[in-house]
Amino acid sequence: MVKPPKAQVPARYRQLEALLAAGKWQEADQETARVMLEVANQTKEGLLDVASIDNFPCEDLRAIDGLWVKYSNGRFSFSVQKRIYQSLGGTREYNEQVWKDFGDRVGWRKGGSWLYYKDITIRPNFYGNEYT
C-alpha cells in the first residue's frame, strides 16, 4: 500500500510546529496569536475583531488547528474548544453563563474568577477542568 504524501506545513507555521513539537505550549500559544494577527492583517490592532474572525481564511485555521490537535494528542485546538463550548450550549449568540461555564471547563477561571493570561498554564496531561 502506498502512503499518501505527508501534508506540507505552510512556511508561516513552521515556528509554531517546532514549538508544539517541543511541548512549549505557552510559547506556541503566543506564536498562534502572532501568526493569526499577521494572517488577518491585524498586527497593528493587536486583536481579532468579529469581522477578522468571520473572514479568517479556512485553510489557515485548519492548518493551525491541525498542528495543535496533532502535537497535543487532541487535547488543545480551536476544534476542541468549539466542541466543549457547544456541549455547554454555546452558540454565536453571547450567553454569560455559558461563557463562564466554558471558562471553568477549560481552566480560564478559578474559584469563580477569571484568570489573567499570565496565570494560565497549558498542560496536556491535566485532567481537571481543562480540555478533557
C-alpha atoms as a PDB file:
ATOM      1  CA  MET A   1       0.000   0.000   0.000  1.00  0.00           C
ATOM      2  CA  VAL A   2       1.296   3.420  -0.951  1.00  0.00           C
ATOM      3  CA  LYS A   3       1.009   6.062   1.744  1.00  0.00           C
ATOM      4  CA  PRO A   4      -0.210   9.494   0.683  1.00  0.00           C
ATOM      5  CA  PRO A   5       2.447  12.205   0.888  1.00  0.00           C
ATOM      6  CA  LYS A   6       2.707  13.942   4.243  1.00  0.00           C
ATOM      7  CA  ALA A   7       0.883  17.257   4.222  1.00  0.00           C
ATOM      8  CA  GLN A   8       3.336  20.113   3.964  1.00  0.00           C
ATOM      9  CA  VAL A   9       3.125  22.662   6.762  1.00  0.00           C
ATOM     10  CA  PRO A  10       2.982  26.168   5.307  1.00  0.00           C
ATOM     11  CA  ALA A  11       6.201  28.084   5.972  1.00  0.00           C
ATOM     12  CA  ARG A  12       4.483  30.657   8.175  1.00  0.00           C
ATOM     13  CA  TYR A  13       3.555  27.863  10.626  1.00  0.00           C
ATOM     14  CA  ARG A  14       6.931  26.122  10.920  1.00  0.00           C
ATOM     15  CA  GLN A  15       7.875  28.021  14.089  1.00  0.00           C
ATOM     16  CA  LEU A  16       4.500  27.111  15.602  1.00  0.00           C
ATOM     17  CA  GLU A  17       5.050  23.481  14.683  1.00  0.00           C
ATOM     18  CA  ALA A  18       8.530  23.493  16.240  1.00  0.00           C
ATOM     19  CA  LEU A  19       7.202  24.952  19.499  1.00  0.00           C
ATOM     20  CA  LEU A  20       4.350  22.447  19.636  1.00  0.00           C
ATOM     21  CA  ALA A  21       6.655  19.531  18.835  1.00  0.00           C
ATOM     22  CA  ALA A  22       8.891  20.636  21.724  1.00  0.00           C
ATOM     23  CA  GLY A  23       5.905  20.840  24.088  1.00  0.00           C
ATOM     24  CA  LYS A  24       6.407  24.562  24.611  1.00  0.00           C
ATOM     25  CA  TRP A  25       2.690  25.221  24.996  1.00  0.00           C
ATOM     26  CA  GLN A  26       2.755  28.800  26.277  1.00  0.00           C
ATOM     27  CA  GLU A  27       5.180  29.896  23.572  1.00  0.00           C
ATOM     28  CA  ALA A  28       3.115  28.060  20.947  1.00  0.00           C
ATOM     29  CA  ASP A  29       0.005  29.859  22.165  1.00  0.00           C
ATOM     30  CA  GLN A  30       1.767  33.208  21.761  1.00  0.00           C
ATOM     31  CA  GLU A  31       3.036  32.206  18.304  1.00  0.00           C
ATOM     32  CA  THR A  32      -0.503  31.194  17.340  1.00  0.00           C
ATOM     33  CA  ALA A  33      -1.746  34.656  18.292  1.00  0.00           C
ATOM     34  CA  ARG A  34       1.093  36.296  16.365  1.00  0.00           C
ATOM     35  CA  VAL A  35       0.516  34.401  13.130  1.00  0.00           C
ATOM     36  CA  MET A  36      -3.251  34.788  13.341  1.00  0.00           C
ATOM     37  CA  LEU A  37      -2.887  38.547  13.657  1.00  0.00           C
ATOM     38  CA  GLU A  38      -0.480  38.502  10.718  1.00  0.00           C
ATOM     39  CA  VAL A  39      -2.809  36.429   8.513  1.00  0.00           C
ATOM     40  CA  ALA A  40      -5.760  38.680   9.373  1.00  0.00           C
ATOM     41  CA  ASN A  41      -3.729  41.876   8.826  1.00  0.00           C
ATOM     42  CA  GLN A  42      -4.473  42.872  12.415  1.00  0.00           C
ATOM     43  CA  THR A  43      -0.930  43.034  13.802  1.00  0.00           C
ATOM     44  CA  LYS A  44      -1.140  46.789  14.386  1.00  0.00           C
ATOM     45  CA  GLU A  45      -4.517  46.448  16.150  1.00  0.00           C
ATOM     46  CA  GLY A  46      -3.274  43.553  18.287  1.00  0.00           C
ATOM     47  CA  LEU A  47      -6.590  41.738  18.316  1.00  0.00           C
ATOM     48  CA  LEU A  48      -9.047  39.961  16.083  1.00  0.00           C
ATOM     49  CA  ASP A  49     -12.421  41.653  15.842  1.00  0.00           C
ATOM     50  CA  VAL A  50     -15.600  39.854  14.760  1.00  0.00           C
ATOM     51  CA  ALA A  51     -15.088  40.753  11.088  1.00  0.00           C
ATOM     52  CA  SER A  52     -11.488  39.442  11.186  1.00  0.00           C
ATOM     53  CA  ILE A  53     -12.657  36.193  12.753  1.00  0.00           C
ATOM     54  CA  ASP A  54     -15.517  35.780  10.284  1.00  0.00           C
ATOM     55  CA  ASN A  55     -13.138  36.359   7.368  1.00  0.00           C
ATOM     56  CA  PHE A  56     -10.177  34.364   8.674  1.00  0.00           C
ATOM     57  CA  PRO A  57      -9.035  32.016   5.888  1.00  0.00           C
ATOM     58  CA  CYS A  58     -10.313  28.469   6.462  1.00  0.00           C
ATOM     59  CA  GLU A  59      -7.083  26.960   5.132  1.00  0.00           C
ATOM     60  CA  ASP A  60      -5.044  28.809   7.745  1.00  0.00           C
ATOM     61  CA  LEU A  61      -7.456  27.954  10.544  1.00  0.00           C
ATOM     62  CA  ARG A  62      -7.333  24.266   9.563  1.00  0.00           C
ATOM     63  CA  ALA A  63      -3.514  24.358   9.487  1.00  0.00           C
ATOM     64  CA  ILE A  64      -3.267  25.922  12.956  1.00  0.00           C
ATOM     65  CA  ASP A  65      -5.942  23.668  14.408  1.00  0.00           C
ATOM     66  CA  GLY A  66      -4.374  20.572  12.884  1.00  0.00           C
ATOM     67  CA  LEU A  67      -0.981  21.344  14.392  1.00  0.00           C
ATOM     68  CA  TRP A  68      -2.457  21.832  17.863  1.00  0.00           C
ATOM     69  CA  VAL A  69      -4.522  18.636  17.586  1.00  0.00           C
ATOM     70  CA  LYS A  70      -1.528  16.642  16.378  1.00  0.00           C
ATOM     71  CA  TYR A  71       1.023  17.758  18.924  1.00  0.00           C
ATOM     72  CA  SER A  72      -1.326  17.885  21.930  1.00  0.00           C
ATOM     73  CA  ASN A  73      -2.821  14.484  21.121  1.00  0.00           C
ATOM     74  CA  GLY A  74      -6.249  16.028  20.672  1.00  0.00           C
ATOM     75  CA  ARG A  75      -6.256  17.982  23.934  1.00  0.00           C
ATOM     76  CA  PHE A  76      -5.870  21.545  22.614  1.00  0.00           C
ATOM     77  CA  SER A  77      -7.150  23.267  19.495  1.00  0.00           C
ATOM     78  CA  PHE A  78      -9.875  25.517  18.247  1.00  0.00           C
ATOM     79  CA  SER A  79     -11.922  22.466  17.276  1.00  0.00           C
ATOM     80  CA  VAL A  80     -11.592  21.057  20.813  1.00  0.00           C
ATOM     81  CA  GLN A  81     -12.646  24.409  22.286  1.00  0.00           C
ATOM     82  CA  LYS A  82     -15.573  24.597  19.870  1.00  0.00           C
ATOM     83  CA  ARG A  83     -16.759  21.115  20.853  1.00  0.00           C
ATOM     84  CA  ILE A  84     -16.563  21.998  24.568  1.00  0.00           C
ATOM     85  CA  TYR A  85     -18.294  25.355  24.052  1.00  0.00           C
ATOM     86  CA  GLN A  86     -21.114  23.827  22.038  1.00  0.00           C
ATOM     87  CA  SER A  87     -21.538  20.962  24.525  1.00  0.00           C
ATOM     88  CA  LEU A  88     -22.273  23.627  27.154  1.00  0.00           C
ATOM     89  CA  GLY A  89     -24.978  25.151  24.942  1.00  0.00           C
ATOM     90  CA  GLY A  90     -22.757  27.795  23.358  1.00  0.00           C
ATOM     91  CA  THR A  91     -23.706  29.411  20.062  1.00  0.00           C
ATOM     92  CA  ARG A  92     -22.607  32.576  18.284  1.00  0.00           C
ATOM     93  CA  GLU A  93     -25.095  34.419  20.486  1.00  0.00           C
ATOM     94  CA  TYR A  94     -23.353  35.548  23.687  1.00  0.00           C
ATOM     95  CA  ASN A  95     -24.576  33.878  26.865  1.00  0.00           C
ATOM     96  CA  GLU A  96     -22.781  34.936  30.029  1.00  0.00           C
ATOM     97  CA  GLN A  97     -23.443  31.711  31.923  1.00  0.00           C
ATOM     98  CA  VAL A  98     -22.281  29.513  29.052  1.00  0.00           C
ATOM     99  CA  TRP A  99     -19.133  31.641  28.711  1.00  0.00           C
ATOM    100  CA  LYS A 100     -18.420  31.304  32.450  1.00  0.00           C
ATOM    101  CA  ASP A 101     -19.038  27.543  32.306  1.00  0.00           C
ATOM    102  CA  PHE A 102     -16.674  27.328  29.351  1.00  0.00           C
ATOM    103  CA  GLY A 103     -14.023  29.313  31.235  1.00  0.00           C
ATOM    104  CA  ASP A 104     -14.394  26.953  34.193  1.00  0.00           C
ATOM    105  CA  ARG A 105     -14.162  23.894  31.970  1.00  0.00           C
ATOM    106  CA  VAL A 106     -11.010  24.919  30.115  1.00  0.00           C
ATOM    107  CA  GLY A 107      -9.211  26.311  33.152  1.00  0.00           C
ATOM    108  CA  TRP A 108      -9.507  30.016  32.389  1.00  0.00           C
ATOM    109  CA  ARG A 109     -11.416  30.628  35.627  1.00  0.00           C
ATOM    110  CA  LYS A 110     -10.691  29.555  39.175  1.00  0.00           C
ATOM    111  CA  GLY A 111     -12.944  29.936  42.190  1.00  0.00           C
ATOM    112  CA  GLY A 112     -15.489  31.810  40.069  1.00  0.00           C
ATOM    113  CA  SER A 113     -12.986  34.425  38.867  1.00  0.00           C
ATOM    114  CA  TRP A 114     -11.321  34.854  35.502  1.00  0.00           C
ATOM    115  CA  LEU A 115      -7.579  34.252  35.492  1.00  0.00           C
ATOM    116  CA  TYR A 116      -5.051  36.594  33.944  1.00  0.00           C
ATOM    117  CA  TYR A 117      -3.321  35.139  30.902  1.00  0.00           C
ATOM    118  CA  LYS A 118      -0.017  35.002  32.801  1.00  0.00           C
ATOM    119  CA  ASP A 119      -1.667  32.755  35.399  1.00  0.00           C
ATOM    120  CA  ILE A 120      -2.982  30.179  32.937  1.00  0.00           C
ATOM    121  CA  THR A 121      -0.864  27.084  32.497  1.00  0.00           C
ATOM    122  CA  ILE A 122      -1.355  24.890  29.454  1.00  0.00           C
ATOM    123  CA  ARG A 123      -0.766  21.289  30.470  1.00  0.00           C
ATOM    124  CA  PRO A 124      -1.834  18.478  28.124  1.00  0.00           C
ATOM    125  CA  ASN A 125      -1.736  15.895  30.910  1.00  0.00           C
ATOM    126  CA  PHE A 126      -4.085  17.862  33.189  1.00  0.00           C
ATOM    127  CA  TYR A 127      -7.400  16.080  33.721  1.00  0.00           C
ATOM    128  CA  GLY A 128      -9.257  18.591  35.871  1.00  0.00           C
ATOM    129  CA  ASN A 129     -11.263  21.461  34.457  1.00  0.00           C
ATOM    130  CA  GLU A 130      -9.046  21.820  31.410  1.00  0.00           C
ATOM    131  CA  TYR A 131      -9.692  20.367  27.942  1.00  0.00           C
ATOM    132  CA  THR A 132     -10.876  16.854  28.650  1.00  0.00           C
END
